[in-house]
Amino acid sequence: MSHLIEIRPPARPKRPFFLRRGPMETIATVLIGLGFLMLFQPFLLVLYTYSLVTLLIGTVMFIIVSKFPE
């Protein structure tokens, strides 16, 4: 009889884009990479100046987002 019972998986709550782990980890990783590229480029002082800020934002964002549920 148990093969006739249809069991549905629990409904997953829909989360907005900024509360999902996968896309936000990708954005944080891109920010970290962009910060390194900005740090190592020799041409524009403005990019070099803001490279540390970009690295810190990406790192903190990655730490926070890695705690989000899938």
N, C-alpha and C. Protein backbone atom coordinates (compact mmCIF):
# COMPACT_ATOMS: atom_id res chain seq x y z
N MET A 1 0.81 -1.20 0.00
CA MET A 1 0.00 0.00 0.00
C MET A 1 0.86 1.26 0.00
N SER A 2 2.04 1.19 0.58
CA SER A 2 2.85 2.39 0.73
C SER A 2 3.33 2.92 -0.62
N HIS A 3 3.39 2.06 -1.65
CA HIS A 3 3.84 2.54 -2.95
C HIS A 3 2.78 3.40 -3.63
N LEU A 4 1.57 3.39 -3.13
CA LEU A 4 0.51 4.23 -3.70
C LEU A 4 0.47 5.62 -3.09
N ILE A 5 1.14 5.79 -1.97
CA ILE A 5 1.13 7.09 -1.30
C ILE A 5 2.15 8.00 -1.97
N GLU A 6 1.71 9.13 -2.38
CA GLU A 6 2.59 10.08 -3.03
C GLU A 6 3.16 11.05 -1.99
N ILE A 7 4.46 11.05 -1.86
CA ILE A 7 5.10 11.94 -0.89
C ILE A 7 5.80 13.05 -1.66
N ARG A 8 5.37 14.26 -1.39
CA ARG A 8 5.99 15.41 -2.05
C ARG A 8 7.15 15.91 -1.19
N PRO A 9 8.22 16.34 -1.84
CA PRO A 9 9.31 16.93 -1.06
C PRO A 9 8.85 18.25 -0.46
N PRO A 10 9.42 18.63 0.66
CA PRO A 10 9.01 19.90 1.27
C PRO A 10 9.30 21.08 0.35
N ALA A 11 8.41 22.02 0.36
CA ALA A 11 8.57 23.19 -0.50
C ALA A 11 9.72 24.05 0.01
N ARG A 12 10.61 24.42 -0.91
CA ARG A 12 11.73 25.29 -0.54
C ARG A 12 11.27 26.73 -0.62
N PRO A 13 11.58 27.51 0.38
CA PRO A 13 11.17 28.91 0.33
C PRO A 13 11.95 29.66 -0.75
N LYS A 14 11.26 30.53 -1.43
CA LYS A 14 11.89 31.35 -2.46
C LYS A 14 12.60 32.50 -1.79
N ARG A 15 13.88 32.59 -2.02
CA ARG A 15 14.66 33.69 -1.45
C ARG A 15 15.04 34.65 -2.56
N PRO A 16 15.14 35.92 -2.23
CA PRO A 16 15.61 36.87 -3.24
C PRO A 16 17.07 36.58 -3.62
N PHE A 17 17.50 37.15 -4.71
CA PHE A 17 18.83 36.92 -5.26
C PHE A 17 19.92 37.21 -4.24
N PHE A 18 19.77 38.27 -3.47
CA PHE A 18 20.83 38.68 -2.55
C PHE A 18 20.87 37.87 -1.26
N LEU A 19 19.95 36.90 -1.11
CA LEU A 19 19.98 36.04 0.07
C LEU A 19 20.30 34.59 -0.27
N ARG A 20 20.75 34.34 -1.50
CA ARG A 20 21.14 32.99 -1.89
C ARG A 20 22.65 32.87 -1.90
N ARG A 21 23.16 31.73 -1.46
CA ARG A 21 24.60 31.59 -1.30
C ARG A 21 25.36 31.53 -2.63
N GLY A 22 24.91 30.73 -3.56
CA GLY A 22 25.66 30.49 -4.80
C GLY A 22 26.01 31.74 -5.58
N PRO A 23 25.03 32.54 -5.98
CA PRO A 23 25.35 33.74 -6.76
C PRO A 23 26.17 34.76 -5.98
N MET A 24 25.90 34.89 -4.69
CA MET A 24 26.62 35.89 -3.91
C MET A 24 28.06 35.48 -3.64
N GLU A 25 28.33 34.16 -3.50
CA GLU A 25 29.71 33.72 -3.37
C GLU A 25 30.48 33.99 -4.64
N THR A 26 29.83 33.83 -5.78
CA THR A 26 30.48 34.13 -7.05
C THR A 26 30.82 35.61 -7.14
N ILE A 27 29.91 36.48 -6.75
CA ILE A 27 30.16 37.92 -6.79
C ILE A 27 31.29 38.28 -5.83
N ALA A 28 31.31 37.69 -4.64
CA ALA A 28 32.38 37.97 -3.68
C ALA A 28 33.73 37.50 -4.21
N THR A 29 33.77 36.35 -4.85
CA THR A 29 35.01 35.85 -5.42
C THR A 29 35.51 36.75 -6.54
N VAL A 30 34.60 37.24 -7.36
CA VAL A 30 34.97 38.17 -8.44
C VAL A 30 35.52 39.46 -7.85
N LEU A 31 34.91 39.95 -6.77
CA LEU A 31 35.42 41.16 -6.12
C LEU A 31 36.83 40.96 -5.57
N ILE A 32 37.09 39.81 -4.98
CA ILE A 32 38.43 39.53 -4.47
C ILE A 32 39.44 39.50 -5.62
N GLY A 33 39.09 38.83 -6.70
CA GLY A 33 39.97 38.78 -7.86
C GLY A 33 40.20 40.15 -8.48
N LEU A 34 39.14 40.94 -8.54
CA LEU A 34 39.26 42.30 -9.06
C LEU A 34 40.17 43.14 -8.18
N GLY A 35 40.08 42.96 -6.87
CA GLY A 35 40.95 43.68 -5.95
C GLY A 35 42.41 43.33 -6.17
N PHE A 36 42.71 42.05 -6.41
CA PHE A 36 44.09 41.67 -6.69
C PHE A 36 44.57 42.26 -8.00
N LEU A 37 43.73 42.23 -9.02
CA LEU A 37 44.13 42.83 -10.29
C LEU A 37 44.38 44.33 -10.15
N MET A 38 43.54 44.99 -9.38
CA MET A 38 43.73 46.42 -9.14
C MET A 38 45.01 46.68 -8.36
N LEU A 39 45.36 45.78 -7.47
CA LEU A 39 46.56 45.95 -6.65
C LEU A 39 47.84 45.79 -7.47
N PHE A 40 47.83 44.89 -8.43
CA PHE A 40 49.05 44.59 -9.17
C PHE A 40 49.20 45.34 -10.49
N GLN A 41 48.25 46.17 -10.83
CA GLN A 41 48.40 46.91 -12.09
C GLN A 41 49.28 48.15 -11.83
N PRO A 42 50.16 48.51 -12.77
CA PRO A 42 51.11 49.61 -12.53
C PRO A 42 50.71 50.95 -13.15
N PHE A 43 49.53 51.07 -13.73
CA PHE A 43 49.24 52.24 -14.55
C PHE A 43 48.44 53.33 -13.85
N LEU A 44 47.37 52.99 -13.19
CA LEU A 44 46.50 54.01 -12.61
C LEU A 44 46.57 53.99 -11.09
N LEU A 45 46.90 55.11 -10.51
CA LEU A 45 47.02 55.21 -9.06
C LEU A 45 45.65 55.09 -8.39
N VAL A 46 44.58 55.52 -9.06
CA VAL A 46 43.23 55.44 -8.49
C VAL A 46 42.84 53.98 -8.26
N LEU A 47 43.13 53.12 -9.23
CA LEU A 47 42.81 51.70 -9.06
C LEU A 47 43.63 51.09 -7.93
N TYR A 48 44.89 51.46 -7.85
CA TYR A 48 45.74 50.95 -6.77
C TYR A 48 45.23 51.42 -5.41
N THR A 49 44.75 52.66 -5.35
CA THR A 49 44.26 53.22 -4.09
C THR A 49 43.05 52.47 -3.57
N TYR A 50 42.13 52.11 -4.43
CA TYR A 50 40.90 51.45 -4.00
C TYR A 50 40.98 49.93 -4.01
N SER A 51 42.15 49.38 -4.30
CA SER A 51 42.27 47.92 -4.35
C SER A 51 42.09 47.30 -2.96
N LEU A 52 42.62 47.91 -1.92
CA LEU A 52 42.47 47.35 -0.58
C LEU A 52 41.00 47.35 -0.15
N VAL A 53 40.29 48.42 -0.47
CA VAL A 53 38.87 48.50 -0.13
C VAL A 53 38.09 47.40 -0.84
N THR A 54 38.41 47.18 -2.11
CA THR A 54 37.74 46.14 -2.89
C THR A 54 38.04 44.75 -2.32
N LEU A 55 39.30 44.53 -1.95
CA LEU A 55 39.67 43.24 -1.35
C LEU A 55 38.93 43.02 -0.03
N LEU A 56 38.88 44.03 0.80
CA LEU A 56 38.21 43.89 2.09
C LEU A 56 36.71 43.65 1.94
N ILE A 57 36.08 44.38 1.04
CA ILE A 57 34.64 44.20 0.81
C ILE A 57 34.36 42.78 0.30
N GLY A 58 35.17 42.30 -0.65
CA GLY A 58 34.98 40.95 -1.17
C GLY A 58 35.19 39.89 -0.12
N THR A 59 36.20 40.07 0.73
CA THR A 59 36.49 39.08 1.77
C THR A 59 35.40 39.04 2.83
N VAL A 60 34.99 40.20 3.30
CA VAL A 60 33.93 40.25 4.31
C VAL A 60 32.62 39.72 3.74
N MET A 61 32.34 40.07 2.49
CA MET A 61 31.13 39.58 1.83
C MET A 61 31.16 38.06 1.72
N PHE A 62 32.31 37.49 1.37
CA PHE A 62 32.42 36.04 1.25
C PHE A 62 32.22 35.36 2.60
N ILE A 63 32.78 35.93 3.65
CA ILE A 63 32.63 35.35 4.99
C ILE A 63 31.17 35.36 5.41
N ILE A 64 30.48 36.46 5.17
CA ILE A 64 29.07 36.58 5.57
C ILE A 64 28.19 35.67 4.72
N VAL A 65 28.40 35.68 3.41
CA VAL A 65 27.53 34.93 2.49
C VAL A 65 27.73 33.42 2.65
N SER A 66 28.91 33.00 3.04
CA SER A 66 29.14 31.56 3.19
C SER A 66 28.30 30.97 4.33
N LYS A 67 27.74 31.80 5.17
CA LYS A 67 26.86 31.32 6.25
C LYS A 67 25.40 31.21 5.80
N PHE A 68 25.05 31.74 4.63
CA PHE A 68 23.69 31.68 4.13
C PHE A 68 23.31 30.25 3.77
N PRO A 69 22.03 29.91 3.86
CA PRO A 69 21.61 28.57 3.43
C PRO A 69 21.65 28.46 1.90
N GLU A 70 21.70 27.23 1.43
CA GLU A 70 21.73 27.00 -0.02
C GLU A 70 20.52 27.57 -0.61
